[in-house]
């Protein structure tokens, strides 16, 4: 049986309908065997991968790649919704309705009729958002917690940053950056003490405390810790590759190079690549 590719009729709505229909066809008995066997669980790594590829395109200011990766990311959402639709749980339309209603509900300063809410500061908006979320959870019979809604599957460094940012809304935070720096030094001292006592569980705990505090230091500095660390990773990779190339040009592999030689070349490359 031949399946016709759904036509692109030009409008935004029709384009989205075309994507949904393509996904339906791929999951149909006459569609793709690989697509048919996927589940919401099996798609988890692909969803994370697509999200990271979107972020990478943003980091590299690659607009062409961002356009393409956003399409892939949207496709994963449609893929998940199609599986749920087949299980008669919900459809993609329901997900779109949910987010539209949520955005309107949580932006009374934009969509509401109260003129007093039109001139809010960014901080006011954040506080209102959290209050509205809390009220929604209470209405749903849930016990509201300020830290609810921060995904546990976030990269740990980013989650630490988000936790600190959330508690800062109600004033649970250091007042000045120097206090955070002092805390970093305190945590580093405690890590050194744990290492000296050679207790692995304590060392892990103290290392975690240090990393958590560093994530919050980045917040106080107005920096994204994930982005800062990614830049450091990129810089390290570039320098290491240059060092490897240097020795290969001299017919030597790194495993045959002494620590002292590597250190000398590393420092040389650091100066050249600044």
Protein backbone atom coordinates (compact mmCIF):
# COMPACT_ATOMS: atom_id res chain seq x y z
CA UNK A 1 0.00 0.00 0.00
CA UNK A 2 1.32 3.43 -0.98
CA UNK A 3 1.05 6.21 1.58
CA UNK A 4 0.87 9.80 0.37
CA UNK A 5 2.96 12.42 2.12
CA UNK A 6 0.56 14.93 3.76
CA UNK A 7 0.62 18.19 1.80
CA UNK A 8 2.13 21.40 3.14
CA UNK A 9 -0.73 23.90 2.86
CA UNK A 10 1.31 26.84 4.06
CA UNK A 11 -0.44 28.11 7.20
CA UNK A 12 1.05 27.59 10.67
CA UNK A 13 -1.88 25.48 11.80
CA UNK A 14 -1.80 23.31 8.68
CA UNK A 15 1.96 22.83 9.00
CA UNK A 16 1.52 21.56 12.55
CA UNK A 17 -1.35 19.31 11.47
CA UNK A 18 0.93 17.92 8.75
CA UNK A 19 3.57 16.99 11.35
CA UNK A 20 0.94 15.33 13.54
CA UNK A 21 -0.39 13.39 10.54
CA UNK A 22 3.11 12.28 9.49
CA UNK A 23 3.65 10.97 13.02
CA UNK A 24 0.31 9.16 12.95
CA UNK A 25 1.28 7.49 9.66
CA UNK A 26 4.69 6.47 10.99
CA UNK A 27 3.01 4.76 13.94
CA UNK A 28 0.33 3.08 11.78
CA UNK A 29 0.43 -0.60 10.70
CA UNK A 30 1.72 0.52 7.30
CA UNK A 31 4.25 2.91 8.81
CA UNK A 32 7.76 2.47 10.19
CA UNK A 33 8.63 -0.64 12.26
CA UNK A 34 11.05 1.33 14.46
CA UNK A 35 8.56 4.11 15.18
CA UNK A 36 5.82 1.60 15.96
CA UNK A 37 7.83 -0.18 18.64
CA UNK A 38 8.73 2.99 20.59
CA UNK A 39 7.21 3.76 23.99
CA UNK A 40 7.19 6.82 26.22
CA UNK A 41 10.00 5.15 28.20
CA UNK A 42 12.15 4.34 25.16
CA UNK A 43 11.92 7.93 23.93
CA UNK A 44 13.44 9.42 27.09
CA UNK A 45 17.07 9.50 25.89
CA UNK A 46 16.05 10.98 22.53
CA UNK A 47 14.11 13.77 24.22
CA UNK A 48 17.12 14.67 26.37
CA UNK A 49 19.44 14.48 23.37
CA UNK A 50 17.26 16.80 21.29
CA UNK A 51 17.01 19.27 24.19
CA UNK A 52 20.80 19.36 24.51
CA UNK A 53 21.18 19.85 20.76
CA UNK A 54 18.86 22.87 20.94
CA UNK A 55 20.98 24.30 23.76
CA UNK A 56 24.19 23.62 21.81
CA UNK A 57 22.82 25.53 18.81
CA UNK A 58 21.99 28.46 21.11
CA UNK A 59 25.46 28.36 22.69
CA UNK A 60 27.10 28.40 19.28
CA UNK A 61 24.78 31.13 17.94
CA UNK A 62 24.03 28.81 15.04
CA UNK A 63 20.63 30.02 13.84
CA UNK A 64 20.40 27.50 11.00
CA UNK A 65 21.06 24.64 13.40
CA UNK A 66 18.65 26.11 15.96
CA UNK A 67 15.87 26.17 13.37
CA UNK A 68 16.46 22.51 12.55
CA UNK A 69 16.95 21.34 16.14
CA UNK A 70 13.77 23.08 17.31
CA UNK A 71 11.92 21.10 14.67
CA UNK A 72 13.39 17.86 16.02
CA UNK A 73 12.46 18.89 19.57
CA UNK A 74 8.86 19.64 18.57
CA UNK A 75 8.75 16.30 16.75
CA UNK A 76 9.63 14.45 19.97
CA UNK A 77 6.69 16.14 21.73
CA UNK A 78 4.36 15.11 18.90
CA UNK A 79 5.81 11.57 19.02
CA UNK A 80 5.05 11.26 22.75
CA UNK A 81 1.56 12.69 22.33
CA UNK A 82 0.80 10.27 19.49
CA UNK A 83 1.67 7.30 21.70
CA UNK A 84 -0.55 8.69 24.46
CA UNK A 85 -3.35 9.30 21.95
CA UNK A 86 -3.18 5.66 20.85
CA UNK A 87 -3.54 4.67 24.51
CA UNK A 88 -6.58 6.98 24.79
CA UNK A 89 -4.86 9.01 27.51
CA UNK A 90 -4.65 12.44 25.84
CA UNK A 91 -3.93 14.08 22.49
CA UNK A 92 -1.46 16.77 21.43
CA UNK A 93 -4.39 19.23 21.38
CA UNK A 94 -4.85 18.62 25.10
CA UNK A 95 -1.21 19.44 25.80
CA UNK A 96 -1.48 22.66 23.80
CA UNK A 97 -4.67 23.61 25.68
CA UNK A 98 -2.91 22.95 29.01
CA UNK A 99 0.03 25.23 28.29
CA UNK A 100 -2.17 28.00 26.81
CA UNK A 101 -4.46 27.99 29.84
CA UNK A 102 -1.49 27.90 32.20
CA UNK A 103 0.21 30.87 30.52
CA UNK A 104 -2.96 32.96 30.66
CA UNK A 105 -3.67 31.96 34.26
CA UNK A 106 -0.14 32.74 35.44
CA UNK A 107 0.08 36.09 33.64
CA UNK A 108 -2.82 38.06 35.18
CA UNK A 109 -0.71 41.22 34.74
CA UNK A 110 -0.96 40.67 30.97
CA UNK A 111 -4.31 38.96 30.43
CA UNK A 112 -6.18 40.18 33.55
CA UNK A 113 -8.44 43.20 33.86
CA UNK A 114 -6.85 44.64 37.04
CA UNK A 115 -4.93 47.72 35.92
CA UNK A 116 -2.92 47.74 39.17
CA UNK A 117 -1.09 44.64 37.96
CA UNK A 118 0.14 46.23 34.74
CA UNK A 119 3.26 47.89 36.18
CA UNK A 120 4.87 44.99 38.02
CA UNK A 121 8.63 44.52 38.32
CA UNK A 122 10.34 41.32 37.20
CA UNK A 123 10.62 40.29 40.87
CA UNK A 124 6.91 40.94 41.39
CA UNK A 125 6.12 38.71 38.41
CA UNK A 126 8.28 35.89 39.77
CA UNK A 127 6.65 36.07 43.20
CA UNK A 128 3.16 36.12 41.67
CA UNK A 129 4.04 33.14 39.47
CA UNK A 130 5.12 31.08 42.49
CA UNK A 131 2.02 32.11 44.46
CA UNK A 132 -0.27 31.13 41.60
CA UNK A 133 1.53 27.77 41.24
CA UNK A 134 1.12 27.15 44.96
CA UNK A 135 -2.60 27.96 44.79
CA UNK A 136 -3.01 25.61 41.83
CA UNK A 137 -1.41 22.76 43.75
CA UNK A 138 -3.59 23.40 46.79
CA UNK A 139 -6.70 23.43 44.59
CA UNK A 140 -5.58 20.08 43.16
CA UNK A 141 -5.24 18.64 46.67
CA UNK A 142 -1.43 18.65 46.63
CA UNK A 143 0.78 19.89 49.45
CA UNK A 144 2.58 22.91 47.96
CA UNK A 145 6.34 23.16 48.37
CA UNK A 146 8.48 25.99 47.11
CA UNK A 147 10.95 23.57 45.53
CA UNK A 148 8.30 21.46 43.80
CA UNK A 149 8.49 21.49 40.02
CA UNK A 150 12.29 21.57 39.75
CA UNK A 151 12.94 18.31 37.84
CA UNK A 152 15.12 15.77 39.61
CA UNK A 153 16.53 14.67 36.24
CA UNK A 154 18.13 18.06 35.57
CA UNK A 155 21.93 18.02 35.41
CA UNK A 156 23.01 18.29 39.04
CA UNK A 157 24.85 21.59 38.61
CA UNK A 158 21.85 23.21 36.93
CA UNK A 159 19.48 21.80 39.56
CA UNK A 160 21.62 23.27 42.36
CA UNK A 161 21.47 26.63 40.59
CA UNK A 162 17.68 26.41 40.19
CA UNK A 163 17.17 25.36 43.85
CA UNK A 164 19.12 28.38 45.07
CA UNK A 165 17.31 30.68 42.67
CA UNK A 166 13.93 29.42 43.86
CA UNK A 167 14.66 29.80 47.61
CA UNK A 168 16.10 33.26 46.99
CA UNK A 169 12.58 34.38 46.03
CA UNK A 170 11.54 34.30 49.69
CA UNK A 171 14.86 35.67 50.97
CA UNK A 172 16.54 32.39 51.93
CA UNK A 173 19.89 33.37 50.46
CA UNK A 174 23.22 35.04 51.13
CA UNK A 175 22.91 38.82 51.08
CA UNK A 176 26.22 39.61 49.34
CA UNK A 177 28.54 37.70 47.02
CA UNK A 178 31.47 37.79 49.46
CA UNK A 179 29.43 35.68 51.88
CA UNK A 180 29.11 32.98 49.22
CA UNK A 181 32.84 33.12 48.54
CA UNK A 182 33.47 32.66 52.27
CA UNK A 183 31.12 29.67 52.19
CA UNK A 184 33.03 28.18 49.24
CA UNK A 185 36.27 28.48 51.22
CA UNK A 186 34.58 26.91 54.27
CA UNK A 187 33.29 23.97 52.20
CA UNK A 188 36.72 23.51 50.60
CA UNK A 189 38.30 23.39 54.05
CA UNK A 190 35.78 20.76 55.16
CA UNK A 191 36.51 18.74 52.02
CA UNK A 192 40.24 18.80 52.78
CA UNK A 193 39.52 17.58 56.32
CA UNK A 194 37.34 14.75 55.01
CA UNK A 195 40.04 13.68 52.55
CA UNK A 196 42.62 13.61 55.36
CA UNK A 197 40.41 11.33 57.46
CA UNK A 198 40.02 9.10 54.39
CA UNK A 199 36.26 8.59 54.82
CA UNK A 200 34.79 8.14 51.35
CA UNK A 201 31.16 8.80 52.31
CA UNK A 202 32.08 12.02 54.13
CA UNK A 203 34.33 13.10 51.27
CA UNK A 204 31.50 12.64 48.77
CA UNK A 205 29.14 14.65 50.96
CA UNK A 206 31.62 17.49 51.38
CA UNK A 207 32.40 17.52 47.66
CA UNK A 208 28.67 17.79 46.99
CA UNK A 209 28.36 20.70 49.43
CA UNK A 210 31.26 22.46 47.70
CA UNK A 211 29.75 22.03 44.24
CA UNK A 212 26.34 23.15 45.49
CA UNK A 213 27.86 26.33 46.94
CA UNK A 214 29.83 27.02 43.74
CA UNK A 215 26.59 26.72 41.74
CA UNK A 216 25.05 29.35 44.00
CA UNK A 217 28.14 31.54 43.72
CA UNK A 218 27.61 31.60 39.96
CA UNK A 219 24.03 32.73 40.56
CA UNK A 220 25.22 35.62 42.71
CA UNK A 221 27.68 36.56 39.99
CA UNK A 222 24.85 36.57 37.44
CA UNK A 223 26.35 33.65 35.55
CA UNK A 224 24.89 30.36 34.33
CA UNK A 225 27.02 27.58 35.91
CA UNK A 226 26.21 25.11 33.12
CA UNK A 227 27.33 27.57 30.48
CA UNK A 228 30.44 28.52 32.44
CA UNK A 229 31.42 24.86 32.87
CA UNK A 230 30.66 24.07 29.24
CA UNK A 231 32.96 26.89 28.16
CA UNK A 232 35.66 25.52 30.46
CA UNK A 233 35.15 22.05 28.98
CA UNK A 234 35.44 23.45 25.45
CA UNK A 235 38.58 25.40 26.36
CA UNK A 236 40.18 22.35 27.98
CA UNK A 237 39.32 20.13 24.99
CA UNK A 238 40.79 22.63 22.52
CA UNK A 239 44.01 22.99 24.52
CA UNK A 240 44.36 19.24 25.03
CA UNK A 241 43.84 18.55 21.31
CA UNK A 242 46.48 21.15 20.47
CA UNK A 243 48.92 19.50 22.87
CA UNK A 244 48.21 16.11 21.31
CA UNK A 245 48.73 17.57 17.82
CA UNK A 246 52.01 19.15 18.90
CA UNK A 247 53.51 15.84 19.97
CA UNK A 248 52.11 13.96 16.99
CA UNK A 249 53.78 16.45 14.67
CA UNK A 250 56.97 15.32 16.37
CA UNK A 251 56.05 11.65 15.85
CA UNK A 252 55.22 11.04 19.50
CA UNK A 253 52.06 9.80 21.24
CA UNK A 254 51.00 11.20 24.61
CA UNK A 255 51.47 7.85 26.33
CA UNK A 256 55.20 8.13 25.52
CA UNK A 257 55.56 11.71 26.78
CA UNK A 258 56.69 12.54 30.33
CA UNK A 259 54.53 14.54 32.71
CA UNK A 260 57.12 17.34 32.70
CA UNK A 261 57.11 17.60 28.91
CA UNK A 262 53.33 17.73 28.81
CA UNK A 263 53.28 20.44 31.46
CA UNK A 264 55.76 22.60 29.50
CA UNK A 265 53.80 22.27 26.23
CA UNK A 266 50.48 22.77 28.02
CA UNK A 267 51.62 26.10 29.49
CA UNK A 268 52.93 27.14 26.06
CA UNK A 269 49.58 26.35 24.42
CA UNK A 270 47.67 28.19 27.17
CA UNK A 271 49.59 31.36 26.40
CA UNK A 272 49.15 30.97 22.63
CA UNK A 273 45.40 30.34 22.81
CA UNK A 274 44.53 33.18 25.22
